C-alpha atoms as a PDB file:
ATOM      1  CA  MET A   1       0.201  31.677  22.262  1.00  0.00           C
ATOM      2  CA  LYS A   2       3.569  33.666  20.284  1.00  0.00           C
ATOM      3  CA  GLY A   3       6.032  34.849  21.178  1.00  0.00           C
ATOM      4  CA  ASN A   4       6.398  38.773  20.364  1.00  0.00           C
ATOM      5  CA  VAL A   5       9.029  40.630  20.399  1.00  0.00           C
ATOM      6  CA  PRO A   6      11.166  42.993  18.555  1.00  0.00           C
ATOM      7  CA  THR A   7      12.214  42.167  14.803  1.00  0.00           C
ATOM      8  CA  GLY A   8      14.904  44.977  15.029  1.00  0.00           C
ATOM      9  CA  GLY A   9      17.896  43.261  14.153  1.00  0.00           C
ATOM     10  CA  LEU A  10      16.633  39.428  13.378  1.00  0.00           C
ATOM     11  CA  ARG A  11      19.407  36.699  12.768  1.00  0.00           C
ATOM     12  CA  VAL A  12      18.876  32.802  12.333  1.00  0.00           C
ATOM     13  CA  ARG A  13      19.172  31.296  15.520  1.00  0.00           C
ATOM     14  CA  GLU A  14      22.204  29.120  16.403  1.00  0.00           C
ATOM     15  CA  ASN A  15      21.358  27.086  19.352  1.00  0.00           C
ATOM     16  CA  GLY A  16      19.109  24.981  19.089  1.00  0.00           C
ATOM     17  CA  GLY A  17      19.296  23.037  15.932  1.00  0.00           C
ATOM     18  CA  THR A  18      17.867  25.987  13.725  1.00  0.00           C
ATOM     19  CA  ARG A  19      21.751  27.026  12.361  1.00  0.00           C
ATOM     20  CA  HIS A  20      21.822  25.356   9.419  1.00  0.00           C
ATOM     21  CA  ARG A  21      23.576  26.417   5.993  1.00  0.00           C
ATOM     22  CA  PRO A  22      23.504  30.414   6.898  1.00  0.00           C
ATOM     23  CA  GLY A  23      20.931  32.749   5.172  1.00  0.00           C
ATOM     24  CA  ALA A  24      19.539  29.890   3.046  1.00  0.00           C
ATOM     25  CA  PHE A  25      15.561  29.760   2.914  1.00  0.00           C
ATOM     26  CA  VAL A  26      13.643  26.855   4.999  1.00  0.00           C
ATOM     27  CA  ASP A  27      10.998  25.973   3.497  1.00  0.00           C
ATOM     28  CA  LEU A  28       7.840  24.677   5.361  1.00  0.00           C
ATOM     29  CA  HIS A  29       5.529  23.580   2.787  1.00  0.00           C
ATOM     30  CA  CYS A  30       6.107  22.369  -0.318  1.00  0.00           C
ATOM     31  CA  HIS A  31       4.368  18.424  -2.545  1.00  0.00           C
ATOM     32  CA  CYS A  32       8.621  16.564  -3.182  1.00  0.00           C
ATOM     33  CA  LEU A  33       7.516  13.742  -1.949  1.00  0.00           C
ATOM     34  CA  PRO A  34       7.213  10.693  -5.328  1.00  0.00           C
ATOM     35  CA  GLY A  35       3.634   9.484  -6.096  1.00  0.00           C
ATOM     36  CA  ILE A  36       1.996  10.590  -2.363  1.00  0.00           C
ATOM     37  CA  ASP A  37      -0.149  12.923  -4.308  1.00  0.00           C
ATOM     38  CA  ASP A  38      -0.918  16.090  -6.462  1.00  0.00           C
ATOM     39  CA  GLY A  39       3.264  16.708  -6.759  1.00  0.00           C
ATOM     40  CA  ALA A  40       6.388  14.861  -8.122  1.00  0.00           C
ATOM     41  CA  PRO A  41       4.825  12.049  -9.516  1.00  0.00           C
ATOM     42  CA  THR A  42       7.999   9.642  -9.875  1.00  0.00           C
ATOM     43  CA  LEU A  43      11.067   9.867  -7.889  1.00  0.00           C
ATOM     44  CA  ARG A  44      12.654  11.231 -10.933  1.00  0.00           C
ATOM     45  CA  ALA A  45      10.315  14.706 -10.625  1.00  0.00           C
ATOM     46  CA  ALA A  46      10.761  14.272  -6.902  1.00  0.00           C
ATOM     47  CA  VAL A  47      14.559  15.104  -6.929  1.00  0.00           C
ATOM     48  CA  ALA A  48      14.576  17.806  -9.931  1.00  0.00           C
ATOM     49  CA  LEU A  49      12.080  19.427  -7.404  1.00  0.00           C
ATOM     50  CA  CYS A  50      14.564  19.257  -4.738  1.00  0.00           C
ATOM     51  CA  ARG A  51      17.608  20.635  -7.814  1.00  0.00           C
ATOM     52  CA  MET A  52      15.140  23.251  -8.089  1.00  0.00           C
ATOM     53  CA  LEU A  53      15.041  24.197  -4.301  1.00  0.00           C
ATOM     54  CA  ARG A  54      18.681  24.286  -3.816  1.00  0.00           C
ATOM     55  CA  GLU A  55      18.359  26.123  -6.987  1.00  0.00           C
ATOM     56  CA  ASP A  56      16.334  28.630  -5.405  1.00  0.00           C
ATOM     57  CA  ASN A  57      18.511  29.025  -2.069  1.00  0.00           C
ATOM     58  CA  VAL A  58      16.327  26.614   0.367  1.00  0.00           C
ATOM     59  CA  GLY A  59      18.404  24.399   2.616  1.00  0.00           C
ATOM     60  CA  ARG A  60      16.041  22.757   4.825  1.00  0.00           C
ATOM     61  CA  VAL A  61      12.962  22.231   3.277  1.00  0.00           C
ATOM     62  CA  VAL A  62       9.218  20.217   5.010  1.00  0.00           C
ATOM     63  CA  ALA A  63       7.434  17.460   2.684  1.00  0.00           C
ATOM     64  CA  THR A  64       3.848  17.869   3.293  1.00  0.00           C
ATOM     65  CA  PRO A  65       1.556  16.027   0.817  1.00  0.00           C
ATOM     66  CA  HIS A  66      -1.580  16.346   1.881  1.00  0.00           C
ATOM     67  CA  GLN A  67      -3.219  14.406   4.578  1.00  0.00           C
ATOM     68  CA  LEU A  68      -6.942  13.387   4.698  1.00  0.00           C
ATOM     69  CA  GLY A  69      -9.224  14.777   1.849  1.00  0.00           C
ATOM     70  CA  ARG A  70      -8.797  13.252  -1.643  1.00  0.00           C
ATOM     71  CA  PHE A  71      -5.356  11.297  -0.517  1.00  0.00           C
ATOM     72  CA  GLU A  72      -6.508  10.089   2.772  1.00  0.00           C
ATOM     73  CA  ASP A  73      -5.444   6.461   1.599  1.00  0.00           C
ATOM     74  CA  ARG A  74      -2.877   7.326   0.164  1.00  0.00           C
ATOM     75  CA  ALA A  75      -0.983   9.628   2.397  1.00  0.00           C
ATOM     76  CA  THR A  76       0.141   7.811   5.954  1.00  0.00           C
ATOM     77  CA  GLY A  77       2.339   9.208   8.465  1.00  0.00           C
ATOM     78  CA  SER A  78       4.399   6.324   8.259  1.00  0.00           C
ATOM     79  CA  THR A  79       4.161   6.487   4.538  1.00  0.00           C
ATOM     80  CA  ILE A  80       5.963  10.395   4.657  1.00  0.00           C
ATOM     81  CA  ARG A  81       8.113   9.579   7.008  1.00  0.00           C
ATOM     82  CA  GLU A  82       9.655   5.931   5.067  1.00  0.00           C
ATOM     83  CA  ALA A  83       8.905   8.239   1.836  1.00  0.00           C
ATOM     84  CA  VAL A  84      11.333  11.272   2.975  1.00  0.00           C
ATOM     85  CA  GLN A  85      14.022   9.142   4.510  1.00  0.00           C
ATOM     86  CA  ALA A  86      14.096   7.467   1.220  1.00  0.00           C
ATOM     87  CA  LEU A  87      14.343  11.020  -0.799  1.00  0.00           C
ATOM     88  CA  ASN A  88      16.922  11.790   1.322  1.00  0.00           C
ATOM     89  CA  GLU A  89      19.381   9.205   0.637  1.00  0.00           C
ATOM     90  CA  GLU A  90      19.088   9.491  -2.946  1.00  0.00           C
ATOM     91  CA  LEU A  91      19.773  13.423  -2.883  1.00  0.00           C
ATOM     92  CA  HIS A  92      22.572  12.572  -1.025  1.00  0.00           C
ATOM     93  CA  HIS A  93      23.584   9.697  -3.780  1.00  0.00           C
ATOM     94  CA  ARG A  94      23.412  12.143  -6.344  1.00  0.00           C
ATOM     95  CA  GLY A  95      24.739  15.799  -4.236  1.00  0.00           C
ATOM     96  CA  VAL A  96      21.862  17.357  -3.515  1.00  0.00           C
ATOM     97  CA  ASP A  97      22.648  19.780  -0.054  1.00  0.00           C
ATOM     98  CA  LEU A  98      19.183  19.840   0.777  1.00  0.00           C
ATOM     99  CA  GLN A  99      17.733  18.858   4.001  1.00  0.00           C
ATOM    100  CA  VAL A 100      13.872  17.207   4.229  1.00  0.00           C
ATOM    101  CA  LEU A 101      11.932  16.951   7.073  1.00  0.00           C
ATOM    102  CA  PRO A 102       9.302  14.955   7.606  1.00  0.00           C
ATOM    103  CA  GLY A 103       5.676  16.605   7.712  1.00  0.00           C
ATOM    104  CA  ALA A 104       2.033  17.194   6.106  1.00  0.00           C
ATOM    105  CA  GLU A 105      -0.598  19.595   4.496  1.00  0.00           C
ATOM    106  CA  VAL A 106      -3.500  18.566   6.675  1.00  0.00           C
ATOM    107  CA  ARG A 107      -7.581  18.936   5.276  1.00  0.00           C
ATOM    108  CA  LEU A 108      -9.894  20.083   7.628  1.00  0.00           C
ATOM    109  CA  ASP A 109     -11.540  17.237   9.069  1.00  0.00           C
ATOM    110  CA  GLU A 110     -13.490  16.706  12.336  1.00  0.00           C
ATOM    111  CA  ARG A 111     -11.265  13.712  13.629  1.00  0.00           C
ATOM    112  CA  ILE A 112      -7.944  16.309  13.241  1.00  0.00           C
ATOM    113  CA  GLU A 113      -7.809  15.332  17.144  1.00  0.00           C
ATOM    114  CA  ARG A 114      -7.765  11.342  17.320  1.00  0.00           C
ATOM    115  CA  PHE A 115      -5.851  11.180  14.204  1.00  0.00           C
ATOM    116  CA  LEU A 116      -3.210  13.363  16.234  1.00  0.00           C
ATOM    117  CA  ALA A 117      -3.432  11.984  19.096  1.00  0.00           C
ATOM    118  CA  ASN A 118      -2.624   8.177  16.881  1.00  0.00           C
ATOM    119  CA  ASP A 119       0.099   9.835  14.980  1.00  0.00           C
ATOM    120  CA  ASP A 120      -2.150   9.061  11.751  1.00  0.00           C
ATOM    121  CA  ILE A 121      -0.977  12.405  10.903  1.00  0.00           C
ATOM    122  CA  LEU A 122       1.958  14.249  10.792  1.00  0.00           C
ATOM    123  CA  THR A 123       3.147  18.002  11.755  1.00  0.00           C
ATOM    124  CA  LEU A 124       5.785  20.666  10.835  1.00  0.00           C
ATOM    125  CA  ALA A 125       8.998  18.653  11.032  1.00  0.00           C
ATOM    126  CA  ASP A 126       7.221  15.782  13.210  1.00  0.00           C
ATOM    127  CA  ARG A 127       7.659  18.094  15.949  1.00  0.00           C
ATOM    128  CA  ARG A 128       4.210  17.858  17.382  1.00  0.00           C
ATOM    129  CA  GLN A 129       4.038  21.855  17.461  1.00  0.00           C
ATOM    130  CA  HIS A 130       2.837  23.349  14.592  1.00  0.00           C
ATOM    131  CA  LEU A 131      -0.429  21.803  12.264  1.00  0.00           C
ATOM    132  CA  LEU A 132      -0.256  23.632   8.644  1.00  0.00           C
ATOM    133  CA  LEU A 133      -3.692  23.145   8.212  1.00  0.00           C
ATOM    134  CA  GLU A 134      -6.096  23.563   5.017  1.00  0.00           C
ATOM    135  CA  LEU A 135      -8.774  25.011   5.093  1.00  0.00           C
ATOM    136  CA  PRO A 136     -12.103  24.598   2.123  1.00  0.00           C
ATOM    137  CA  ARG A 137     -12.098  27.305  -0.141  1.00  0.00           C
ATOM    138  CA  ASP A 138     -15.350  27.130  -1.012  1.00  0.00           C
ATOM    139  CA  VAL A 139     -17.187  27.493   2.030  1.00  0.00           C
ATOM    140  CA  PHE A 140     -16.679  29.352   5.801  1.00  0.00           C
ATOM    141  CA  ILE A 141     -16.151  27.031   9.057  1.00  0.00           C
ATOM    142  CA  ASN A 142     -15.448  28.370  11.914  1.00  0.00           C
ATOM    143  CA  ILE A 143     -12.308  26.876  13.400  1.00  0.00           C
ATOM    144  CA  GLU A 144     -12.204  28.070  17.288  1.00  0.00           C
ATOM    145  CA  PRO A 145     -13.439  24.890  18.663  1.00  0.00           C
ATOM    146  CA  LEU A 146     -10.716  23.231  16.854  1.00  0.00           C
ATOM    147  CA  LEU A 147      -7.909  26.140  17.778  1.00  0.00           C
ATOM    148  CA  ARG A 148      -8.538  26.063  21.027  1.00  0.00           C
ATOM    149  CA  HIS A 149      -8.249  22.202  21.674  1.00  0.00           C
ATOM    150  CA  LEU A 150      -4.742  22.199  19.529  1.00  0.00           C
ATOM    151  CA  HIS A 151      -3.571  24.499  22.069  1.00  0.00           C
ATOM    152  CA  TYR A 152      -4.356  22.820  25.531  1.00  0.00           C
ATOM    153  CA  ALA A 153      -2.711  20.027  23.091  1.00  0.00           C
ATOM    154  CA  GLY A 154       0.239  21.979  22.735  1.00  0.00           C
ATOM    155  CA  ILE A 155      -0.337  22.466  18.784  1.00  0.00           C
ATOM    156  CA  GLU A 156      -0.685  26.121  17.396  1.00  0.00           C
ATOM    157  CA  VAL A 157      -2.129  26.067  13.423  1.00  0.00           C
ATOM    158  CA  ILE A 158      -0.578  27.443  10.786  1.00  0.00           C
ATOM    159  CA  ILE A 159      -2.998  28.146   8.296  1.00  0.00           C
ATOM    160  CA  ALA A 160      -2.290  27.457   4.347  1.00  0.00           C
ATOM    161  CA  HIS A 161      -1.878  29.642   1.451  1.00  0.00           C
ATOM    162  CA  PRO A 162      -5.024  31.563   3.402  1.00  0.00           C
ATOM    163  CA  GLU A 163      -4.748  34.084   0.111  1.00  0.00           C
ATOM    164  CA  ARG A 164      -5.964  32.000  -2.287  1.00  0.00           C
ATOM    165  CA  ASN A 165      -9.427  31.213   0.455  1.00  0.00           C
ATOM    166  CA  ALA A 166     -11.702  34.083   0.267  1.00  0.00           C
ATOM    167  CA  PRO A 167     -14.737  33.252   2.554  1.00  0.00           C
ATOM    168  CA  LEU A 168     -11.995  33.145   5.338  1.00  0.00           C
ATOM    169  CA  LEU A 169     -10.936  36.422   3.132  1.00  0.00           C
ATOM    170  CA  GLY A 170     -14.120  37.682   3.775  1.00  0.00           C
ATOM    171  CA  ARG A 171     -14.137  37.666   6.864  1.00  0.00           C
ATOM    172  CA  SER A 172     -11.206  39.598   7.795  1.00  0.00           C
ATOM    173  CA  GLY A 173     -12.257  40.245  11.427  1.00  0.00           C
ATOM    174  CA  ILE A 174     -12.446  36.643  12.039  1.00  0.00           C
ATOM    175  CA  LEU A 175      -9.304  36.040  10.667  1.00  0.00           C
ATOM    176  CA  GLN A 176      -7.034  39.026  12.882  1.00  0.00           C
ATOM    177  CA  ARG A 177      -9.017  37.382  16.227  1.00  0.00           C
ATOM    178  CA  TRP A 178      -7.653  33.708  14.902  1.00  0.00           C
ATOM    179  CA  VAL A 179      -4.509  36.107  14.545  1.00  0.00           C
ATOM    180  CA  ALA A 180      -3.966  37.794  17.530  1.00  0.00           C
ATOM    181  CA  GLU A 181      -4.922  34.504  19.469  1.00  0.00           C
ATOM    182  CA  GLY A 182      -1.935  32.862  17.509  1.00  0.00           C
ATOM    183  CA  VAL A 183      -2.386  31.679  14.608  1.00  0.00           C
ATOM    184  CA  GLY A 184       0.495  31.191  11.369  1.00  0.00           C
ATOM    185  CA  LEU A 185      -0.504  32.529   8.279  1.00  0.00           C
ATOM    186  CA  GLN A 186       1.788  30.823   5.509  1.00  0.00           C
ATOM    187  CA  VAL A 187       1.281  32.930   2.046  1.00  0.00           C
ATOM    188  CA  THR A 188       3.192  31.055  -0.869  1.00  0.00           C
ATOM    189  CA  ALA A 189       5.607  33.117  -2.120  1.00  0.00           C
ATOM    190  CA  ALA A 190       4.888  31.936  -6.379  1.00  0.00           C
ATOM    191  CA  SER A 191       1.574  34.491  -4.944  1.00  0.00           C
ATOM    192  CA  LEU A 192       3.570  36.971  -4.136  1.00  0.00           C
ATOM    193  CA  VAL A 193       5.057  36.845  -7.243  1.00  0.00           C
ATOM    194  CA  GLY A 194       2.190  36.931  -8.838  1.00  0.00           C
ATOM    195  CA  LEU A 195       1.619  32.966 -10.761  1.00  0.00           C
ATOM    196  CA  TRP A 196      -1.539  33.126  -9.543  1.00  0.00           C
ATOM    197  CA  GLY A 197      -2.782  36.121 -11.066  1.00  0.00           C
ATOM    198  CA  PRO A 198      -3.085  39.437  -9.837  1.00  0.00           C
ATOM    199  CA  ALA A 199      -6.383  39.174  -7.299  1.00  0.00           C
ATOM    200  CA  VAL A 200      -4.137  36.633  -5.132  1.00  0.00           C
ATOM    201  CA  GLN A 201      -1.547  38.296  -5.883  1.00  0.00           C
ATOM    202  CA  LEU A 202      -2.868  41.749  -3.593  1.00  0.00           C
ATOM    203  CA  ALA A 203      -4.619  39.356  -1.437  1.00  0.00           C
ATOM    204  CA  ALA A 204      -0.965  37.387  -0.204  1.00  0.00           C
ATOM    205  CA  TRP A 205       0.413  42.031  -0.160  1.00  0.00           C
ATOM    206  CA  ASN A 206      -2.117  42.844   1.781  1.00  0.00           C
ATOM    207  CA  LEU A 207      -2.064  40.548   4.330  1.00  0.00           C
ATOM    208  CA  VAL A 208       2.101  41.160   4.937  1.00  0.00           C
ATOM    209  CA  ALA A 209       0.576  44.710   5.025  1.00  0.00           C
ATOM    210  CA  GLU A 210      -1.260  44.223   7.957  1.00  0.00           C
ATOM    211  CA  GLY A 211       1.338  42.121  10.324  1.00  0.00           C
ATOM    212  CA  SER A 212      -1.505  39.031   9.527  1.00  0.00           C
ATOM    213  CA  VAL A 213       1.661  36.745   7.936  1.00  0.00           C
ATOM    214  CA  GLY A 214       3.806  34.491   9.889  1.00  0.00           C
ATOM    215  CA  LEU A 215       5.967  32.719   7.109  1.00  0.00           C
ATOM    216  CA  ILE A 216       6.047  32.512   3.602  1.00  0.00           C
ATOM    217  CA  ALA A 217       7.184  28.579   1.907  1.00  0.00           C
ATOM    218  CA  THR A 218       6.156  27.717  -1.476  1.00  0.00           C
ATOM    219  CA  ASP A 219       3.898  24.935  -1.761  1.00  0.00           C
ATOM    220  CA  ALA A 220       5.878  24.124  -4.061  1.00  0.00           C
ATOM    221  CA  HIS A 221       5.025  20.816  -6.434  1.00  0.00           C
ATOM    222  CA  ASP A 222       6.581  20.706 -10.361  1.00  0.00           C
ATOM    223  CA  ALA A 223       8.367  23.161 -12.443  1.00  0.00           C
ATOM    224  CA  GLY A 224       4.993  25.867 -13.747  1.00  0.00           C
ATOM    225  CA  ILE A 225       3.179  27.651 -12.046  1.00  0.00           C
ATOM    226  CA  ASN A 226       3.497  25.974  -9.100  1.00  0.00           C
ATOM    227  CA  ARG A 227       7.625  25.860  -8.794  1.00  0.00           C
ATOM    228  CA  PRO A 228       9.543  27.287  -6.181  1.00  0.00           C
ATOM    229  CA  CYS A 229      10.203  30.782  -5.807  1.00  0.00           C
ATOM    230  CA  MET A 230      11.451  31.785  -2.196  1.00  0.00           C
ATOM    231  CA  THR A 231      14.795  34.308  -3.702  1.00  0.00           C
ATOM    232  CA  ALA A 232      11.734  36.608  -5.731  1.00  0.00           C
ATOM    233  CA  ALA A 233       9.818  36.774  -3.110  1.00  0.00           C
ATOM    234  CA  PHE A 234      12.256  37.085  -0.472  1.00  0.00           C
ATOM    235  CA  ARG A 235      12.998  40.373  -2.931  1.00  0.00           C
ATOM    236  CA  ALA A 236      10.155  41.386  -3.248  1.00  0.00           C
ATOM    237  CA  VAL A 237       9.028  41.945   0.229  1.00  0.00           C
ATOM    238  CA  ALA A 238      12.306  43.271   1.130  1.00  0.00           C
ATOM    239  CA  ALA A 239      11.649  45.995  -1.749  1.00  0.00           C
ATOM    240  CA  ARG A 240       8.677  46.952  -0.031  1.00  0.00           C
ATOM    241  CA  PHE A 241       9.370  46.214   3.766  1.00  0.00           C
ATOM    242  CA  GLY A 242      13.029  46.031   4.722  1.00  0.00           C
ATOM    243  CA  THR A 243      15.653  43.190   4.557  1.00  0.00           C
ATOM    244  CA  GLU A 244      13.832  42.528   8.246  1.00  0.00           C
ATOM    245  CA  LEU A 245      11.147  41.659   7.254  1.00  0.00           C
ATOM    246  CA  ALA A 246      12.258  39.492   4.592  1.00  0.00           C
ATOM    247  CA  ARG A 247      14.246  37.560   6.545  1.00  0.00           C
ATOM    248  CA  LEU A 248      11.456  36.716   9.313  1.00  0.00           C
ATOM    249  CA  LEU A 249       8.962  35.323   7.080  1.00  0.00           C
ATOM    250  CA  CYS A 250      11.355  32.976   4.817  1.00  0.00           C
ATOM    251  CA  ILE A 251      13.935  32.340   7.362  1.00  0.00           C
ATOM    252  CA  VAL A 252      13.715  33.207  10.926  1.00  0.00           C
ATOM    253  CA  ASN A 253      10.378  31.957  11.272  1.00  0.00           C
ATOM    254  CA  PRO A 254      10.294  29.330   9.202  1.00  0.00           C
ATOM    255  CA  ALA A 255      13.152  27.247  11.155  1.00  0.00           C
ATOM    256  CA  ARG A 256      11.713  28.061  14.577  1.00  0.00           C
ATOM    257  CA  VAL A 257       8.781  25.662  13.393  1.00  0.00           C
ATOM    258  CA  VAL A 258      11.872  23.568  11.818  1.00  0.00           C
ATOM    259  CA  SER A 259      12.970  23.360  15.703  1.00  0.00           C
ATOM    260  CA  GLY A 260       9.308  23.059  17.367  1.00  0.00           C
ATOM    261  CA  GLU A 261      10.166  27.615  18.753  1.00  0.00           C
ATOM    262  CA  ARG A 262       7.049  29.414  18.727  1.00  0.00           C
ATOM    263  CA  LEU A 263       6.609  32.061  15.342  1.00  0.00           C
ATOM    264  CA  ILE A 264       7.550  35.586  16.198  1.00  0.00           C
ATOM    265  CA  SER A 265       5.126  38.081  16.390  1.00  0.00           C
ATOM    266  CA  MET A 266       5.534  41.055  14.345  1.00  0.00           C
ATOM    267  CA  SER A 267       5.977  43.601  17.622  1.00  0.00           C
ATOM    268  CA  SER A 268       3.586  45.992  15.047  1.00  0.00           C
ATOM    269  CA  GLY A 269       2.054  45.820  11.891  1.00  0.00           C
ATOM    270  CA  VAL A 270       3.500  47.031   8.907  1.00  0.00           C
ATOM    271  CA  ARG A 271      -0.660  48.401   8.303  1.00  0.00           C
ATOM    272  CA  GLN A 272      -0.365  50.056   4.870  1.00  0.00           C
ATOM    273  CA  GLU A 273      -3.150  49.636   1.878  1.00  0.00           C
ATOM    274  CA  VAL A 274      -0.931  47.999  -0.957  1.00  0.00           C
ATOM    275  CA  ARG A 275      -2.819  49.402  -4.187  1.00  0.00           C
END
């Protein structure tokens, strides 16, 4: 499912729409749309969050409000697309050099396939290539049937913040099998720098060390614990495992998702225990 190519000498590709503000991060998970979910409550707060993203060297961001679950009636596909257009216009008016793209963080639900077919839930960057999936944190559910069905439909799954999902982490063999079959793991930048506490931080670094992580995103909601910190996460990964891996996780793979391309997997895992 994934393209398995060496990571040496990676550069952001300049064809297929991937080139955009060379060196800037691409954030695939952010709750920056005003008044839709538990992210920015107002347009003013949304603009402030977008300014923080730009100050954190993010050039493109996929707005990913929660879909299904408790926000099912508030975050429809059309609502998200209209909100993205309005926010982009406001950012342009205010001189904020950030491009917002439509997407969603989709709660696990037995109706996902039907909702995708009806265009009721969104994929990342609205490309119908990658679905950002949020799993329950209190119970393990085997999603392999869903993974197979979505794969046959041409859609790859990216699991949001697995480092904060204890039932999933307790089944590392299953998680590794999913990764081997093409599932992407999105670790949150704030987890890597310790904002979610030492246990979550350790889990995040262990996933990176295993070579399991496909990309890093902010999952930013506000200026608090859920604030953007891509620069800090990039520097931390580069310090431990090198700049090439940091670029892969923070720039190259996120840009590929935005362009509708498959994730690049590491040619070999880092495979180092994090203490």
